[in-house]
Amino acid sequence: MKEKIEKIYDILRKEFSLPAKEKLSPAEELVLTVLSQNTSDRNRDLAWKRLRERFPKMEDLEEASVEEIEEAIKPAGLYRQKARSIKQVLRKLREEFGSLNIPLKGEEAYRFLLSLKGVGPKTAAVVSLFSLGHPYFPVDTHIFRVSNRIPLVRGKTREKVQEELNKKVPDEIKREFHLLLIELGRKYCRPKPRCKECPLKGLCSYSSRFLKPDQKEV
């Protein structure tokens, strides 16, 4: 499996320019990931833009009312639930650490994040990886779909796929591989896939069911 992962990683690095990922504080990454739950990337980004325009600093957001947050994040959907989660998360950070930072490392930080209401394994892994610099492998909808189709690992839930990929993907490539698999899911491995153009068609069990023999070479 390690060889297969490394081969896929090399192919995707040649196929895609590594997507830019803004460096955010743990509080910012938490809020952004809460907004991303059960919505499209477009709606998440619009809600995030509106939120930052209204509350430029996390401390401003911390002082805002739930109703003010709801109004700002309506494009994200489930905005009442998400506004409450955002307030609770920021309050918990302040209560635990006296600031909106997370002065924890590794597994301790990950377990703390999981203890926050509204924060699941994907959100905890995203914050750990991108804000705290700890090697976790988040699995979103795109990666869940890609992983089961190739397959990298199979699982009926995103949590199970994340658990397995976190074990199998080498720590040193987790950040880049995560971003590259998302790009693959967005461009080629969509719900209605573009198997003929996909750079992984020679390695993918799913695409092999639809392609002629002369179309399967990488």
Protein backbone atom coordinates (compact mmCIF):
# COMPACT_ATOMS: atom_id res chain seq x y z
CA MET A 1 0.00 0.00 0.00
CA LYS A 2 2.84 2.41 0.80
CA GLU A 3 4.24 2.00 -2.73
CA LYS A 4 0.81 2.59 -4.25
CA ILE A 5 0.28 5.74 -2.17
CA GLU A 6 3.71 7.08 -3.12
CA LYS A 7 3.09 6.35 -6.82
CA ILE A 8 -0.27 8.13 -6.73
CA TYR A 9 1.32 11.02 -4.86
CA ASP A 10 4.04 11.39 -7.53
CA ILE A 11 1.48 11.31 -10.36
CA LEU A 12 -0.73 13.93 -8.72
CA ARG A 13 2.20 16.23 -7.97
CA LYS A 14 2.97 16.26 -11.70
CA GLU A 15 -0.69 16.75 -12.62
CA PHE A 16 -1.63 19.57 -10.25
CA SER A 17 -0.05 22.68 -8.94
CA LEU A 18 -0.28 22.36 -5.18
CA PRO A 19 -3.33 24.37 -4.13
CA ALA A 20 -2.69 27.40 -1.94
CA LYS A 21 -3.81 26.94 1.66
CA GLU A 22 -3.99 30.06 3.77
CA LYS A 23 -2.26 29.74 7.13
CA LEU A 24 -4.91 30.25 9.79
CA SER A 25 -4.82 30.27 13.56
CA PRO A 26 -6.39 27.28 15.36
CA ALA A 27 -9.50 29.37 16.16
CA GLU A 28 -9.83 30.53 12.55
CA GLU A 29 -9.38 27.00 11.20
CA LEU A 30 -11.96 25.69 13.64
CA VAL A 31 -14.51 28.29 12.57
CA LEU A 32 -13.82 27.74 8.86
CA THR A 33 -14.16 23.98 9.20
CA VAL A 34 -17.41 24.30 11.12
CA LEU A 35 -18.71 26.43 8.24
CA SER A 36 -17.68 23.73 5.73
CA GLN A 37 -19.84 21.04 7.30
CA ASN A 38 -22.70 19.81 5.08
CA THR A 39 -22.29 22.52 2.47
CA SER A 40 -20.44 23.23 -0.78
CA ASP A 41 -17.01 24.83 -1.00
CA ARG A 42 -18.61 27.85 -2.66
CA ASN A 43 -21.12 28.40 0.14
CA ARG A 44 -18.45 27.88 2.79
CA ASP A 45 -16.17 30.44 1.15
CA LEU A 46 -18.98 32.98 0.84
CA ALA A 47 -19.95 32.56 4.49
CA TRP A 48 -16.31 32.84 5.57
CA LYS A 49 -15.85 36.05 3.54
CA ARG A 50 -18.97 37.60 5.07
CA LEU A 51 -17.90 36.56 8.55
CA ARG A 52 -14.41 38.05 8.23
CA GLU A 53 -15.75 41.29 6.79
CA ARG A 54 -18.12 41.63 9.74
CA PHE A 55 -15.64 40.37 12.36
CA PRO A 56 -12.04 40.94 11.18
CA LYS A 57 -10.51 39.42 14.33
CA MET A 58 -11.44 36.26 16.16
CA GLU A 59 -11.77 38.38 19.30
CA ASP A 60 -14.47 40.40 17.50
CA LEU A 61 -16.28 37.19 16.65
CA GLU A 62 -15.90 36.01 20.23
CA GLU A 63 -17.80 39.09 21.43
CA ALA A 64 -20.55 38.82 18.80
CA SER A 65 -24.00 37.51 19.59
CA VAL A 66 -25.26 34.25 18.16
CA GLU A 67 -27.80 36.24 16.12
CA GLU A 68 -25.07 38.40 14.58
CA ILE A 69 -23.08 35.31 13.63
CA GLU A 70 -26.18 33.67 12.16
CA GLU A 71 -26.78 36.64 9.89
CA ALA A 72 -23.18 36.61 8.63
CA ILE A 73 -22.98 32.88 7.89
CA LYS A 74 -26.39 32.22 6.32
CA PRO A 75 -24.88 31.13 2.96
CA ALA A 76 -23.25 28.14 4.69
CA GLY A 77 -26.59 26.52 5.56
CA LEU A 78 -27.53 25.16 8.98
CA TYR A 79 -26.47 28.60 10.12
CA ARG A 80 -28.27 28.55 13.49
CA GLN A 81 -26.58 25.31 14.50
CA LYS A 82 -23.20 26.47 13.19
CA ALA A 83 -23.45 29.86 14.93
CA ARG A 84 -24.02 28.13 18.26
CA SER A 85 -21.11 25.77 17.62
CA ILE A 86 -18.81 28.68 16.80
CA LYS A 87 -19.72 30.52 20.01
CA GLN A 88 -19.26 27.38 22.10
CA VAL A 89 -15.89 26.58 20.55
CA LEU A 90 -14.49 30.06 21.10
CA ARG A 91 -15.84 30.14 24.66
CA LYS A 92 -14.21 26.80 25.43
CA LEU A 93 -10.82 27.95 24.12
CA ARG A 94 -11.01 31.05 26.29
CA GLU A 95 -12.03 29.06 29.36
CA GLU A 96 -9.36 26.40 28.92
CA PHE A 97 -6.37 28.49 27.85
CA GLY A 98 -7.18 32.12 28.58
CA SER A 99 -6.80 32.88 24.87
CA LEU A 100 -8.00 31.63 21.48
CA ASN A 101 -4.84 29.59 20.92
CA ILE A 102 -4.29 25.88 21.60
CA PRO A 103 -0.99 25.36 23.44
CA LEU A 104 -1.12 21.57 23.08
CA LYS A 105 0.70 19.14 20.82
CA GLY A 106 0.07 15.91 18.96
CA GLU A 107 -2.47 13.48 20.34
CA GLU A 108 -3.25 15.73 23.31
CA ALA A 109 -4.29 18.55 20.97
CA TYR A 110 -6.31 16.17 18.78
CA ARG A 111 -8.20 14.75 21.77
CA PHE A 112 -8.92 18.22 23.09
CA LEU A 113 -10.34 19.25 19.72
CA LEU A 114 -12.58 16.17 19.67
CA SER A 115 -13.92 17.19 23.07
CA LEU A 116 -15.37 20.39 21.62
CA LYS A 117 -19.06 20.28 20.77
CA GLY A 118 -19.62 20.24 17.03
CA VAL A 119 -16.05 19.11 16.29
CA GLY A 120 -15.61 15.66 14.78
CA PRO A 121 -12.58 13.70 13.56
CA LYS A 122 -12.28 15.57 10.26
CA THR A 123 -12.35 19.01 11.87
CA ALA A 124 -9.91 17.92 14.58
CA ALA A 125 -7.54 16.54 11.93
CA VAL A 126 -7.79 19.69 9.78
CA VAL A 127 -6.89 21.97 12.69
CA SER A 128 -4.13 19.63 13.83
CA LEU A 129 -2.60 19.42 10.35
CA PHE A 130 -2.91 22.95 9.04
CA SER A 131 -2.80 25.14 12.16
CA LEU A 132 -0.85 23.12 14.70
CA GLY A 133 1.51 21.35 12.30
CA HIS A 134 0.78 17.84 13.54
CA PRO A 135 0.65 15.00 10.97
CA TYR A 136 -2.99 13.97 10.78
CA PHE A 137 -4.85 13.08 7.59
CA PRO A 138 -8.32 14.67 7.30
CA VAL A 139 -10.90 12.96 5.11
CA ASP A 140 -13.59 15.10 3.51
CA THR A 141 -16.28 14.12 1.00
CA HIS A 142 -13.86 14.24 -1.96
CA ILE A 143 -11.21 12.07 -0.31
CA PHE A 144 -13.80 9.62 0.99
CA ARG A 145 -15.09 9.12 -2.55
CA VAL A 146 -11.63 8.89 -4.14
CA SER A 147 -10.28 6.52 -1.50
CA ASN A 148 -13.11 4.03 -1.91
CA ARG A 149 -12.97 4.13 -5.70
CA ILE A 150 -9.24 3.64 -6.33
CA PRO A 151 -9.23 2.07 -3.65
CA LEU A 152 -6.69 3.39 -1.17
CA VAL A 153 -8.73 2.03 1.70
CA ARG A 154 -12.38 1.09 1.80
CA GLY A 155 -14.74 2.17 4.50
CA LYS A 156 -18.42 2.84 4.97
CA THR A 157 -17.79 6.01 6.97
CA ARG A 158 -15.42 8.95 6.61
CA GLU A 159 -14.23 8.31 10.16
CA LYS A 160 -13.11 4.77 9.28
CA VAL A 161 -11.38 5.89 6.07
CA GLN A 162 -9.64 8.69 7.96
CA GLU A 163 -8.45 6.29 10.65
CA GLU A 164 -6.94 3.93 8.06
CA LEU A 165 -5.37 6.62 5.86
CA ASN A 166 -3.87 8.30 8.90
CA LYS A 167 -2.02 5.03 9.55
CA LYS A 168 -1.00 4.36 5.94
CA VAL A 169 -0.02 7.78 4.52
CA PRO A 170 3.56 8.74 5.51
CA ASP A 171 3.65 11.72 7.86
CA GLU A 172 5.94 13.74 5.59
CA ILE A 173 3.43 13.81 2.72
CA LYS A 174 0.12 14.01 4.61
CA ARG A 175 -0.42 17.73 4.03
CA GLU A 176 0.33 17.69 0.31
CA PHE A 177 -1.39 14.36 -0.34
CA HIS A 178 -4.55 15.58 1.38
CA LEU A 179 -4.69 18.69 -0.82
CA LEU A 180 -3.86 16.74 -3.99
CA LEU A 181 -6.59 14.16 -3.41
CA ILE A 182 -9.10 16.96 -2.93
CA GLU A 183 -8.03 18.42 -6.30
CA LEU A 184 -8.44 14.98 -7.89
CA GLY A 185 -11.95 14.73 -6.43
CA ARG A 186 -12.90 18.17 -7.67
CA LYS A 187 -11.52 17.88 -11.20
CA TYR A 188 -11.80 14.21 -12.18
CA CYS A 189 -13.19 11.90 -9.52
CA ARG A 190 -16.51 13.71 -9.20
CA PRO A 191 -19.80 12.05 -8.26
CA LYS A 192 -20.10 11.63 -12.03
CA PRO A 193 -16.43 10.83 -12.75
CA ARG A 194 -14.29 11.81 -15.73
CA CYS A 195 -12.40 8.52 -15.86
CA LYS A 196 -11.09 8.89 -19.42
CA GLU A 197 -9.13 12.04 -18.56
CA CYS A 198 -8.08 11.02 -15.05
CA PRO A 199 -4.29 10.73 -14.48
CA LEU A 200 -4.90 7.70 -12.22
CA LYS A 201 -6.98 5.68 -14.66
CA GLY A 202 -4.28 3.00 -14.89
CA LEU A 203 -4.26 2.50 -11.14
CA CYS A 204 -7.94 2.82 -10.33
CA SER A 205 -10.22 -0.20 -9.97
CA TYR A 206 -13.32 1.96 -10.40
CA SER A 207 -12.24 3.42 -13.76
CA SER A 208 -11.21 0.00 -15.10
CA ARG A 209 -14.87 -1.01 -15.24
CA PHE A 210 -15.65 1.73 -17.75
CA LEU A 211 -12.53 2.06 -19.91
CA LYS A 212 -11.39 0.06 -22.90
CA PRO A 213 -8.02 -1.74 -22.55
CA ASP A 214 -6.18 0.91 -24.60
CA GLN A 215 -7.48 3.67 -22.32
CA LYS A 216 -6.14 2.25 -19.05
CA GLU A 217 -2.46 3.17 -19.36
CA VAL A 218 -1.17 5.90 -17.09
